[in-house]
């Protein structure tokens, strides 16, 4: 069976050193600015800047927002629960990285 070829949009890998705007973050994660603002208030995201519109975020914020959105949509977790789950997931990743590094 042959499957149709689906064009893949270009992907840009961002790291902590790269910054994105609030609107870029909203587009990349298909969320509204109000949702991002709620994540900032919950401590999930830390914007660079003091006002809503000039806010900029580290490139790694896209991953964090996508995880939170997935937890909310698929598991019906509230924002506080998603923040806790995200923190625990990141701790697990850090510990696994330390284990891999110490095993070498």
C-alpha atoms as a PDB file:
ATOM      1  CA  UNK A   1       0.000   0.000   0.000  1.00  0.00           C
ATOM      2  CA  UNK A   2       1.297   3.441  -0.885  1.00  0.00           C
ATOM      3  CA  UNK A   3       0.770   6.393   1.370  1.00  0.00           C
ATOM      4  CA  UNK A   4       0.493   9.954   0.087  1.00  0.00           C
ATOM      5  CA  UNK A   5       3.446  12.211   0.684  1.00  0.00           C
ATOM      6  CA  UNK A   6       2.540  14.918   3.130  1.00  0.00           C
ATOM      7  CA  UNK A   7       4.698  18.042   3.099  1.00  0.00           C
ATOM      8  CA  UNK A   8       6.331  18.744   6.446  1.00  0.00           C
ATOM      9  CA  UNK A   9       6.627  22.370   7.491  1.00  0.00           C
ATOM     10  CA  UNK A  10      10.118  23.584   8.349  1.00  0.00           C
ATOM     11  CA  UNK A  11      11.073  23.158  11.991  1.00  0.00           C
ATOM     12  CA  UNK A  12      13.355  25.438  13.939  1.00  0.00           C
ATOM     13  CA  UNK A  13      14.971  24.127  17.095  1.00  0.00           C
ATOM     14  CA  UNK A  14      15.136  26.758  19.804  1.00  0.00           C
ATOM     15  CA  UNK A  15      17.154  26.741  22.985  1.00  0.00           C
ATOM     16  CA  UNK A  16      17.245  28.811  26.155  1.00  0.00           C
ATOM     17  CA  UNK A  17      19.421  31.452  24.529  1.00  0.00           C
ATOM     18  CA  UNK A  18      16.867  32.241  21.836  1.00  0.00           C
ATOM     19  CA  UNK A  19      13.850  34.365  22.634  1.00  0.00           C
ATOM     20  CA  UNK A  20      10.374  34.431  21.135  1.00  0.00           C
ATOM     21  CA  UNK A  21       7.561  36.925  21.466  1.00  0.00           C
ATOM     22  CA  UNK A  22       4.208  36.317  23.108  1.00  0.00           C
ATOM     23  CA  UNK A  23       2.493  36.136  19.724  1.00  0.00           C
ATOM     24  CA  UNK A  24       5.083  33.671  18.385  1.00  0.00           C
ATOM     25  CA  UNK A  25       4.575  31.476  21.449  1.00  0.00           C
ATOM     26  CA  UNK A  26       0.801  31.606  21.011  1.00  0.00           C
ATOM     27  CA  UNK A  27       1.052  30.653  17.334  1.00  0.00           C
ATOM     28  CA  UNK A  28       3.552  27.868  17.920  1.00  0.00           C
ATOM     29  CA  UNK A  29       1.387  26.286  20.624  1.00  0.00           C
ATOM     30  CA  UNK A  30      -2.060  27.252  19.281  1.00  0.00           C
ATOM     31  CA  UNK A  31      -3.069  28.951  22.515  1.00  0.00           C
ATOM     32  CA  UNK A  32      -4.442  32.372  23.320  1.00  0.00           C
ATOM     33  CA  UNK A  33      -2.470  35.072  25.090  1.00  0.00           C
ATOM     34  CA  UNK A  34      -4.797  34.687  28.093  1.00  0.00           C
ATOM     35  CA  UNK A  35      -3.703  31.058  28.466  1.00  0.00           C
ATOM     36  CA  UNK A  36      -0.037  32.075  28.411  1.00  0.00           C
ATOM     37  CA  UNK A  37      -0.760  34.814  30.947  1.00  0.00           C
ATOM     38  CA  UNK A  38      -2.417  32.228  33.219  1.00  0.00           C
ATOM     39  CA  UNK A  39       0.671  30.012  32.893  1.00  0.00           C
ATOM     40  CA  UNK A  40       2.851  32.962  33.878  1.00  0.00           C
ATOM     41  CA  UNK A  41       0.663  33.604  36.915  1.00  0.00           C
ATOM     42  CA  UNK A  42       0.870  29.910  37.860  1.00  0.00           C
ATOM     43  CA  UNK A  43       4.676  30.030  37.611  1.00  0.00           C
ATOM     44  CA  UNK A  44       4.893  27.676  34.631  1.00  0.00           C
ATOM     45  CA  UNK A  45       6.489  30.320  32.420  1.00  0.00           C
ATOM     46  CA  UNK A  46       8.839  33.156  33.281  1.00  0.00           C
ATOM     47  CA  UNK A  47       8.652  35.986  30.755  1.00  0.00           C
ATOM     48  CA  UNK A  48      11.497  38.319  30.023  1.00  0.00           C
ATOM     49  CA  UNK A  49      10.085  41.814  30.439  1.00  0.00           C
ATOM     50  CA  UNK A  50       7.517  43.361  32.721  1.00  0.00           C
ATOM     51  CA  UNK A  51       4.525  44.129  30.531  1.00  0.00           C
ATOM     52  CA  UNK A  52       2.242  41.782  28.598  1.00  0.00           C
ATOM     53  CA  UNK A  53       2.994  42.923  25.041  1.00  0.00           C
ATOM     54  CA  UNK A  54       6.783  43.331  25.223  1.00  0.00           C
ATOM     55  CA  UNK A  55       7.045  39.923  26.936  1.00  0.00           C
ATOM     56  CA  UNK A  56       9.593  37.616  25.431  1.00  0.00           C
ATOM     57  CA  UNK A  57      10.123  33.984  26.382  1.00  0.00           C
ATOM     58  CA  UNK A  58      13.017  31.546  26.182  1.00  0.00           C
ATOM     59  CA  UNK A  59      12.705  29.194  23.216  1.00  0.00           C
ATOM     60  CA  UNK A  60      12.268  26.302  25.643  1.00  0.00           C
ATOM     61  CA  UNK A  61       8.884  27.769  26.647  1.00  0.00           C
ATOM     62  CA  UNK A  62       7.280  26.204  23.572  1.00  0.00           C
ATOM     63  CA  UNK A  63       7.957  22.724  24.900  1.00  0.00           C
ATOM     64  CA  UNK A  64       6.636  23.628  28.363  1.00  0.00           C
ATOM     65  CA  UNK A  65       3.419  25.124  26.977  1.00  0.00           C
ATOM     66  CA  UNK A  66       2.809  22.150  24.697  1.00  0.00           C
ATOM     67  CA  UNK A  67       3.206  19.726  27.604  1.00  0.00           C
ATOM     68  CA  UNK A  68       0.808  21.728  29.770  1.00  0.00           C
ATOM     69  CA  UNK A  69      -1.753  21.990  26.967  1.00  0.00           C
ATOM     70  CA  UNK A  70      -1.520  18.238  26.318  1.00  0.00           C
ATOM     71  CA  UNK A  71      -2.018  17.468  30.013  1.00  0.00           C
ATOM     72  CA  UNK A  72      -5.047  19.735  30.133  1.00  0.00           C
ATOM     73  CA  UNK A  73      -6.660  18.480  26.935  1.00  0.00           C
ATOM     74  CA  UNK A  74      -5.931  14.767  27.169  1.00  0.00           C
ATOM     75  CA  UNK A  75      -6.076  14.208  30.916  1.00  0.00           C
ATOM     76  CA  UNK A  76      -8.339  17.086  31.969  1.00  0.00           C
ATOM     77  CA  UNK A  77      -5.723  18.286  34.465  1.00  0.00           C
ATOM     78  CA  UNK A  78      -6.189  21.776  35.852  1.00  0.00           C
ATOM     79  CA  UNK A  79      -3.432  24.361  35.498  1.00  0.00           C
ATOM     80  CA  UNK A  80      -2.022  23.834  39.002  1.00  0.00           C
ATOM     81  CA  UNK A  81      -1.918  20.070  38.449  1.00  0.00           C
ATOM     82  CA  UNK A  82      -0.253  20.541  35.062  1.00  0.00           C
ATOM     83  CA  UNK A  83       2.366  22.813  36.672  1.00  0.00           C
ATOM     84  CA  UNK A  84       3.144  20.136  39.255  1.00  0.00           C
ATOM     85  CA  UNK A  85       3.275  17.369  36.642  1.00  0.00           C
ATOM     86  CA  UNK A  86       5.587  19.477  34.458  1.00  0.00           C
ATOM     87  CA  UNK A  87       7.916  20.124  37.380  1.00  0.00           C
ATOM     88  CA  UNK A  88       8.063  16.410  38.200  1.00  0.00           C
ATOM     89  CA  UNK A  89       8.650  15.453  34.562  1.00  0.00           C
ATOM     90  CA  UNK A  90      11.526  17.913  34.340  1.00  0.00           C
ATOM     91  CA  UNK A  91      13.041  16.573  37.573  1.00  0.00           C
ATOM     92  CA  UNK A  92      12.850  13.034  36.202  1.00  0.00           C
ATOM     93  CA  UNK A  93      14.567  14.132  32.972  1.00  0.00           C
ATOM     94  CA  UNK A  94      17.313  15.853  34.952  1.00  0.00           C
ATOM     95  CA  UNK A  95      17.882  12.783  37.147  1.00  0.00           C
ATOM     96  CA  UNK A  96      17.953  10.490  34.114  1.00  0.00           C
ATOM     97  CA  UNK A  97      20.547  12.762  32.486  1.00  0.00           C
ATOM     98  CA  UNK A  98      22.657  12.648  35.650  1.00  0.00           C
ATOM     99  CA  UNK A  99      22.430   8.842  35.702  1.00  0.00           C
ATOM    100  CA  UNK A 100      23.491   8.621  32.063  1.00  0.00           C
ATOM    101  CA  UNK A 101      26.402  10.989  32.728  1.00  0.00           C
ATOM    102  CA  UNK A 102      27.569   9.091  35.808  1.00  0.00           C
ATOM    103  CA  UNK A 103      27.372   5.775  33.975  1.00  0.00           C
ATOM    104  CA  UNK A 104      30.032   6.813  31.464  1.00  0.00           C
END
